[in-house]
């Protein structure tokens, strides 16, 4: 059974999030978009280091074993 994760309606990344590196003109190396997307962040869960990925559609860091579903357009956890 899958659980739909709630979206972040604020749509602004956390100020503490690390942003992708930029070139000398202020553009991200990965694309020429004007919006910056936070990099994955490392957290400790039950003593284990886990990397959480940021979902650009839902504006959240996905927990482990979660992914974005193209059919329902939401992040879902297993």
PDB file of N, CA and C in Angstrom:
ATOM      1  N   UNK A   1       0.838  -1.178   0.000  1.00  0.00           N
ATOM      2  CA  UNK A   1       0.000   0.000   0.000  1.00  0.00           C
ATOM      3  C   UNK A   1       0.886   1.246   0.000  1.00  0.00           C
ATOM      4  N   UNK A   2       0.548   2.214  -0.814  1.00  0.00           N
ATOM      5  CA  UNK A   2       1.338   3.437  -0.919  1.00  0.00           C
ATOM      6  C   UNK A   2       0.671   4.571  -0.154  1.00  0.00           C
ATOM      7  N   UNK A   3       1.492   5.442   0.355  1.00  0.00           N
ATOM      8  CA  UNK A   3       1.032   6.588   1.124  1.00  0.00           C
ATOM      9  C   UNK A   3       1.398   7.859   0.364  1.00  0.00           C
ATOM     10  N   UNK A   4       0.425   8.702   0.067  1.00  0.00           N
ATOM     11  CA  UNK A   4       0.699   9.969  -0.626  1.00  0.00           C
ATOM     12  C   UNK A   4       1.271  10.957   0.374  1.00  0.00           C
ATOM     13  N   UNK A   5       2.416  11.536   0.038  1.00  0.00           N
ATOM     14  CA  UNK A   5       3.069  12.507   0.912  1.00  0.00           C
ATOM     15  C   UNK A   5       2.529  13.902   0.618  1.00  0.00           C
ATOM     16  N   UNK A   6       2.265  14.701   1.640  1.00  0.00           N
ATOM     17  CA  UNK A   6       1.743  16.055   1.401  1.00  0.00           C
ATOM     18  C   UNK A   6       2.784  16.948   0.748  1.00  0.00           C
ATOM     19  N   UNK A   7       2.318  17.823  -0.116  1.00  0.00           N
ATOM     20  CA  UNK A   7       3.210  18.779  -0.787  1.00  0.00           C
ATOM     21  C   UNK A   7       3.524  19.952   0.127  1.00  0.00           C
ATOM     22  N   UNK A   8       4.625  20.607  -0.165  1.00  0.00           N
ATOM     23  CA  UNK A   8       4.973  21.842   0.522  1.00  0.00           C
ATOM     24  C   UNK A   8       4.377  22.971  -0.310  1.00  0.00           C
ATOM     25  N   UNK A   9       3.398  23.647   0.204  1.00  0.00           N
ATOM     26  CA  UNK A   9       2.709  24.685  -0.557  1.00  0.00           C
ATOM     27  C   UNK A   9       3.462  26.006  -0.571  1.00  0.00           C
ATOM     28  N   UNK A  10       4.523  26.112   0.241  1.00  0.00           N
ATOM     29  CA  UNK A  10       5.313  27.340   0.304  1.00  0.00           C
ATOM     30  C   UNK A  10       6.116  27.541  -0.978  1.00  0.00           C
ATOM     31  N   UNK A  11       6.589  26.459  -1.585  1.00  0.00           N
ATOM     32  CA  UNK A  11       7.325  26.458  -2.855  1.00  0.00           C
ATOM     33  C   UNK A  11       8.654  27.177  -2.811  1.00  0.00           C
ATOM     34  N   UNK A  12       9.143  27.514  -1.652  1.00  0.00           N
ATOM     35  CA  UNK A  12      10.476  28.089  -1.540  1.00  0.00           C
ATOM     36  C   UNK A  12      11.339  27.100  -0.782  1.00  0.00           C
ATOM     37  N   UNK A  13      12.521  26.754  -1.315  1.00  0.00           N
ATOM     38  CA  UNK A  13      13.373  25.815  -0.602  1.00  0.00           C
ATOM     39  C   UNK A  13      13.837  26.396   0.727  1.00  0.00           C
ATOM     40  N   UNK A  14      14.158  25.508   1.637  1.00  0.00           N
ATOM     41  CA  UNK A  14      14.654  25.885   2.953  1.00  0.00           C
ATOM     42  C   UNK A  14      15.911  26.744   2.809  1.00  0.00           C
ATOM     43  N   UNK A  15      16.018  27.804   3.570  1.00  0.00           N
ATOM     44  CA  UNK A  15      17.182  28.685   3.489  1.00  0.00           C
ATOM     45  C   UNK A  15      18.471  27.985   3.871  1.00  0.00           C
ATOM     46  N   UNK A  16      18.382  26.920   4.670  1.00  0.00           N
ATOM     47  CA  UNK A  16      19.567  26.188   5.081  1.00  0.00           C
ATOM     48  C   UNK A  16      20.006  25.167   4.048  1.00  0.00           C
ATOM     49  N   UNK A  17      19.228  24.987   2.987  1.00  0.00           N
ATOM     50  CA  UNK A  17      19.553  23.977   1.977  1.00  0.00           C
ATOM     51  C   UNK A  17      20.764  24.417   1.171  1.00  0.00           C
ATOM     52  N   UNK A  18      21.581  23.438   0.839  1.00  0.00           N
ATOM     53  CA  UNK A  18      22.736  23.720  -0.009  1.00  0.00           C
ATOM     54  C   UNK A  18      22.262  23.859  -1.448  1.00  0.00           C
ATOM     55  N   UNK A  19      22.700  24.874  -2.128  1.00  0.00           N
ATOM     56  CA  UNK A  19      22.274  25.087  -3.501  1.00  0.00           C
ATOM     57  C   UNK A  19      23.340  24.578  -4.455  1.00  0.00           C
ATOM     58  N   UNK A  20      22.930  24.268  -5.666  1.00  0.00           N
ATOM     59  CA  UNK A  20      23.862  23.768  -6.664  1.00  0.00           C
ATOM     60  C   UNK A  20      24.911  24.824  -6.971  1.00  0.00           C
ATOM     61  N   UNK A  21      26.120  24.406  -7.313  1.00  0.00           N
ATOM     62  CA  UNK A  21      27.177  25.366  -7.638  1.00  0.00           C
ATOM     63  C   UNK A  21      26.812  26.183  -8.867  1.00  0.00           C
ATOM     64  N   UNK A  22      27.276  27.412  -8.872  1.00  0.00           N
ATOM     65  CA  UNK A  22      26.977  28.324  -9.976  1.00  0.00           C
ATOM     66  C   UNK A  22      28.263  28.766 -10.659  1.00  0.00           C
ATOM     67  N   UNK A  23      28.130  29.135 -11.931  1.00  0.00           N
ATOM     68  CA  UNK A  23      29.293  29.654 -12.632  1.00  0.00           C
ATOM     69  C   UNK A  23      29.484  31.133 -12.301  1.00  0.00           C
ATOM     70  N   UNK A  24      30.431  31.777 -12.937  1.00  0.00           N
ATOM     71  CA  UNK A  24      30.733  33.170 -12.584  1.00  0.00           C
ATOM     72  C   UNK A  24      29.629  34.146 -12.977  1.00  0.00           C
ATOM     73  N   UNK A  25      28.681  33.703 -13.801  1.00  0.00           N
ATOM     74  CA  UNK A  25      27.560  34.548 -14.195  1.00  0.00           C
ATOM     75  C   UNK A  25      26.325  34.315 -13.335  1.00  0.00           C
ATOM     76  N   UNK A  26      26.392  33.380 -12.393  1.00  0.00           N
ATOM     77  CA  UNK A  26      25.285  33.118 -11.495  1.00  0.00           C
ATOM     78  C   UNK A  26      24.348  32.017 -11.943  1.00  0.00           C
ATOM     79  N   UNK A  27      24.669  31.333 -13.046  1.00  0.00           N
ATOM     80  CA  UNK A  27      23.821  30.252 -13.534  1.00  0.00           C
ATOM     81  C   UNK A  27      24.279  28.918 -12.963  1.00  0.00           C
ATOM     82  N   UNK A  28      23.306  28.029 -12.742  1.00  0.00           N
ATOM     83  CA  UNK A  28      23.648  26.682 -12.283  1.00  0.00           C
ATOM     84  C   UNK A  28      24.370  25.948 -13.399  1.00  0.00           C
ATOM     85  N   UNK A  29      25.302  25.083 -13.031  1.00  0.00           N
ATOM     86  CA  UNK A  29      26.022  24.310 -14.028  1.00  0.00           C
ATOM     87  C   UNK A  29      25.120  23.301 -14.728  1.00  0.00           C
ATOM     88  N   UNK A  30      24.137  22.746 -14.009  1.00  0.00           N
ATOM     89  CA  UNK A  30      23.316  21.687 -14.585  1.00  0.00           C
ATOM     90  C   UNK A  30      22.271  22.206 -15.574  1.00  0.00           C
ATOM     91  N   UNK A  31      21.852  23.456 -15.465  1.00  0.00           N
ATOM     92  CA  UNK A  31      20.883  23.990 -16.417  1.00  0.00           C
ATOM     93  C   UNK A  31      20.983  25.509 -16.427  1.00  0.00           C
ATOM     94  N   UNK A  32      20.316  26.108 -17.373  1.00  0.00           N
ATOM     95  CA  UNK A  32      20.348  27.559 -17.485  1.00  0.00           C
ATOM     96  C   UNK A  32      19.079  28.164 -16.894  1.00  0.00           C
ATOM     97  N   UNK A  33      18.434  27.466 -15.981  1.00  0.00           N
ATOM     98  CA  UNK A  33      17.214  27.933 -15.342  1.00  0.00           C
ATOM     99  C   UNK A  33      17.543  29.014 -14.321  1.00  0.00           C
ATOM    100  N   UNK A  34      16.586  29.897 -14.047  1.00  0.00           N
ATOM    101  CA  UNK A  34      16.821  30.959 -13.076  1.00  0.00           C
ATOM    102  C   UNK A  34      16.467  30.521 -11.655  1.00  0.00           C
ATOM    103  N   UNK A  35      15.873  29.344 -11.482  1.00  0.00           N
ATOM    104  CA  UNK A  35      15.531  28.863 -10.147  1.00  0.00           C
ATOM    105  C   UNK A  35      16.595  27.885  -9.674  1.00  0.00           C
ATOM    106  N   UNK A  36      16.954  27.982  -8.407  1.00  0.00           N
ATOM    107  CA  UNK A  36      17.932  27.055  -7.857  1.00  0.00           C
ATOM    108  C   UNK A  36      17.211  25.952  -7.100  1.00  0.00           C
ATOM    109  N   UNK A  37      17.666  24.742  -7.279  1.00  0.00           N
ATOM    110  CA  UNK A  37      17.055  23.580  -6.649  1.00  0.00           C
ATOM    111  C   UNK A  37      18.039  23.029  -5.634  1.00  0.00           C
ATOM    112  N   UNK A  38      17.584  22.795  -4.416  1.00  0.00           N
ATOM    113  CA  UNK A  38      18.497  22.293  -3.388  1.00  0.00           C
ATOM    114  C   UNK A  38      19.081  20.931  -3.755  1.00  0.00           C
ATOM    115  N   UNK A  39      20.318  20.726  -3.346  1.00  0.00           N
ATOM    116  CA  UNK A  39      20.969  19.442  -3.523  1.00  0.00           C
ATOM    117  C   UNK A  39      20.414  18.448  -2.512  1.00  0.00           C
ATOM    118  N   UNK A  40      20.655  17.161  -2.733  1.00  0.00           N
ATOM    119  CA  UNK A  40      20.245  16.188  -1.715  1.00  0.00           C
ATOM    120  C   UNK A  40      20.915  16.500  -0.385  1.00  0.00           C
ATOM    121  N   UNK A  41      20.235  16.169   0.707  1.00  0.00           N
ATOM    122  CA  UNK A  41      20.835  16.410   2.011  1.00  0.00           C
ATOM    123  C   UNK A  41      20.980  15.095   2.760  1.00  0.00           C
ATOM    124  N   UNK A  42      22.028  15.016   3.561  1.00  0.00           N
ATOM    125  CA  UNK A  42      22.318  13.826   4.339  1.00  0.00           C
ATOM    126  C   UNK A  42      21.778  14.000   5.751  1.00  0.00           C
ATOM    127  N   UNK A  43      21.017  13.022   6.212  1.00  0.00           N
ATOM    128  CA  UNK A  43      20.473  13.033   7.568  1.00  0.00           C
ATOM    129  C   UNK A  43      20.779  11.690   8.220  1.00  0.00           C
ATOM    130  N   UNK A  44      20.717  11.672   9.534  1.00  0.00           N
ATOM    131  CA  UNK A  44      20.932  10.435  10.278  1.00  0.00           C
ATOM    132  C   UNK A  44      19.591   9.927  10.783  1.00  0.00           C
ATOM    133  N   UNK A  45      19.245   8.703  10.401  1.00  0.00           N
ATOM    134  CA  UNK A  45      18.005   8.068  10.827  1.00  0.00           C
ATOM    135  C   UNK A  45      18.367   6.749  11.501  1.00  0.00           C
ATOM    136  N   UNK A  46      18.036   6.629  12.782  1.00  0.00           N
ATOM    137  CA  UNK A  46      18.342   5.435  13.575  1.00  0.00           C
ATOM    138  C   UNK A  46      19.809   5.051  13.475  1.00  0.00           C
ATOM    139  N   UNK A  47      20.684   6.046  13.511  1.00  0.00           N
ATOM    140  CA  UNK A  47      22.118   5.812  13.502  1.00  0.00           C
ATOM    141  C   UNK A  47      22.721   5.565  12.130  1.00  0.00           C
ATOM    142  N   UNK A  48      21.931   5.560  11.073  1.00  0.00           N
ATOM    143  CA  UNK A  48      22.428   5.338   9.716  1.00  0.00           C
ATOM    144  C   UNK A  48      22.342   6.627   8.910  1.00  0.00           C
ATOM    145  N   UNK A  49      23.379   6.900   8.125  1.00  0.00           N
ATOM    146  CA  UNK A  49      23.416   8.087   7.272  1.00  0.00           C
ATOM    147  C   UNK A  49      22.560   7.816   6.031  1.00  0.00           C
ATOM    148  N   UNK A  50      21.578   8.687   5.757  1.00  0.00           N
ATOM    149  CA  UNK A  50      20.653   8.522   4.630  1.00  0.00           C
ATOM    150  C   UNK A  50      20.647   9.813   3.818  1.00  0.00           C
ATOM    151  N   UNK A  51      20.637   9.679   2.500  1.00  0.00           N
ATOM    152  CA  UNK A  51      20.579  10.849   1.612  1.00  0.00           C
ATOM    153  C   UNK A  51      19.152  11.048   1.138  1.00  0.00           C
ATOM    154  N   UNK A  52      18.595  12.233   1.400  1.00  0.00           N
ATOM    155  CA  UNK A  52      17.240  12.565   0.974  1.00  0.00           C
ATOM    156  C   UNK A  52      17.312  13.415  -0.288  1.00  0.00           C
ATOM    157  N   UNK A  53      16.529  13.038  -1.299  1.00  0.00           N
ATOM    158  CA  UNK A  53      16.489  13.790  -2.549  1.00  0.00           C
ATOM    159  C   UNK A  53      15.352  14.801  -2.496  1.00  0.00           C
ATOM    160  N   UNK A  54      15.539  15.917  -3.191  1.00  0.00           N
ATOM    161  CA  UNK A  54      14.536  16.972  -3.243  1.00  0.00           C
ATOM    162  C   UNK A  54      13.650  16.767  -4.463  1.00  0.00           C
ATOM    163  N   UNK A  55      12.344  16.820  -4.282  1.00  0.00           N
ATOM    164  CA  UNK A  55      11.393  16.697  -5.387  1.00  0.00           C
ATOM    165  C   UNK A  55      11.049  18.097  -5.882  1.00  0.00           C
ATOM    166  N   UNK A  56      11.363  18.375  -7.139  1.00  0.00           N
ATOM    167  CA  UNK A  56      11.118  19.697  -7.713  1.00  0.00           C
ATOM    168  C   UNK A  56       9.633  19.966  -7.927  1.00  0.00           C
ATOM    169  N   UNK A  57       8.830  18.930  -8.045  1.00  0.00           N
ATOM    170  CA  UNK A  57       7.399  19.089  -8.283  1.00  0.00           C
ATOM    171  C   UNK A  57       6.639  19.333  -6.985  1.00  0.00           C
ATOM    172  N   UNK A  58       6.961  18.550  -5.958  1.00  0.00           N
ATOM    173  CA  UNK A  58       6.233  18.641  -4.682  1.00  0.00           C
ATOM    174  C   UNK A  58       6.898  19.596  -3.686  1.00  0.00           C
ATOM    175  N   UNK A  59       8.115  20.039  -3.979  1.00  0.00           N
ATOM    176  CA  UNK A  59       8.855  20.970  -3.120  1.00  0.00           C
ATOM    177  C   UNK A  59       9.101  20.395  -1.724  1.00  0.00           C
ATOM    178  N   UNK A  60       9.466  19.113  -1.673  1.00  0.00           N
ATOM    179  CA  UNK A  60       9.786  18.472  -0.399  1.00  0.00           C
ATOM    180  C   UNK A  60      11.035  17.612  -0.562  1.00  0.00           C
ATOM    181  N   UNK A  61      11.684  17.314   0.559  1.00  0.00           N
ATOM    182  CA  UNK A  61      12.709  16.280   0.572  1.00  0.00           C
ATOM    183  C   UNK A  61      11.987  14.958   0.787  1.00  0.00           C
ATOM    184  N   UNK A  62      12.170  14.024  -0.154  1.00  0.00           N
ATOM    185  CA  UNK A  62      11.491  12.740  -0.062  1.00  0.00           C
ATOM    186  C   UNK A  62      12.148  11.859   0.987  1.00  0.00           C
ATOM    187  N   UNK A  63      11.356  11.206   1.823  1.00  0.00           N
ATOM    188  CA  UNK A  63      11.930  10.259   2.780  1.00  0.00           C
ATOM    189  C   UNK A  63      12.447   9.010   2.056  1.00  0.00           C
ATOM    190  N   UNK A  64      13.213   8.176   2.760  1.00  0.00           N
ATOM    191  CA  UNK A  64      13.694   6.942   2.127  1.00  0.00           C
ATOM    192  C   UNK A  64      12.518   6.095   1.626  1.00  0.00           C
ATOM    193  N   UNK A  65      12.742   5.393   0.526  1.00  0.00           N
ATOM    194  CA  UNK A  65      11.751   4.507  -0.103  1.00  0.00           C
ATOM    195  C   UNK A  65      10.555   5.262  -0.671  1.00  0.00           C
ATOM    196  N   UNK A  66      10.694   6.520  -0.945  1.00  0.00           N
ATOM    197  CA  UNK A  66       9.623   7.304  -1.572  1.00  0.00           C
ATOM    198  C   UNK A  66      10.081   7.757  -2.949  1.00  0.00           C
ATOM    199  N   UNK A  67       9.119   7.961  -3.838  1.00  0.00           N
ATOM    200  CA  UNK A  67       9.436   8.445  -5.176  1.00  0.00           C
ATOM    201  C   UNK A  67       8.244   9.245  -5.702  1.00  0.00           C
ATOM    202  N   UNK A  68       8.479   9.962  -6.801  1.00  0.00           N
ATOM    203  CA  UNK A  68       7.406  10.758  -7.390  1.00  0.00           C
ATOM    204  C   UNK A  68       6.669   9.894  -8.409  1.00  0.00           C
ATOM    205  N   UNK A  69       5.359   9.837  -8.295  1.00  0.00           N
ATOM    206  CA  UNK A  69       4.519   9.042  -9.188  1.00  0.00           C
ATOM    207  C   UNK A  69       4.038   9.918 -10.343  1.00  0.00           C
ATOM    208  N   UNK A  70       4.309   9.487 -11.557  1.00  0.00           N
ATOM    209  CA  UNK A  70       3.879  10.249 -12.726  1.00  0.00           C
ATOM    210  C   UNK A  70       2.370  10.168 -12.949  1.00  0.00           C
ATOM    211  N   UNK A  71       1.750   9.086 -12.499  1.00  0.00           N
ATOM    212  CA  UNK A  71       0.314   8.920 -12.708  1.00  0.00           C
ATOM    213  C   UNK A  71      -0.516   9.838 -11.819  1.00  0.00           C
ATOM    214  N   UNK A  72      -0.176   9.898 -10.540  1.00  0.00           N
ATOM    215  CA  UNK A  72      -0.978  10.727  -9.628  1.00  0.00           C
ATOM    216  C   UNK A  72      -0.320  12.082  -9.367  1.00  0.00           C
ATOM    217  N   UNK A  73       0.897  12.296  -9.883  1.00  0.00           N
ATOM    218  CA  UNK A  73       1.635  13.553  -9.747  1.00  0.00           C
ATOM    219  C   UNK A  73       1.859  13.937  -8.290  1.00  0.00           C
ATOM    220  N   UNK A  74       2.158  12.948  -7.452  1.00  0.00           N
ATOM    221  CA  UNK A  74       2.472  13.158  -6.045  1.00  0.00           C
ATOM    222  C   UNK A  74       3.641  12.269  -5.671  1.00  0.00           C
ATOM    223  N   UNK A  75       4.339  12.644  -4.608  1.00  0.00           N
ATOM    224  CA  UNK A  75       5.346  11.746  -4.046  1.00  0.00           C
ATOM    225  C   UNK A  75       4.616  10.724  -3.192  1.00  0.00           C
ATOM    226  N   UNK A  76       5.014   9.477  -3.343  1.00  0.00           N
ATOM    227  CA  UNK A  76       4.384   8.395  -2.599  1.00  0.00           C
ATOM    228  C   UNK A  76       5.464   7.586  -1.881  1.00  0.00           C
ATOM    229  N   UNK A  77       5.131   7.134  -0.675  1.00  0.00           N
ATOM    230  CA  UNK A  77       6.024   6.303   0.112  1.00  0.00           C
ATOM    231  C   UNK A  77       5.542   4.868   0.093  1.00  0.00           C
ATOM    232  N   UNK A  78       6.491   3.941   0.150  1.00  0.00           N
ATOM    233  CA  UNK A  78       6.125   2.519   0.166  1.00  0.00           C
ATOM    234  C   UNK A  78       6.122   1.980   1.561  1.00  0.00           C
TER     235      UNK A  78
END
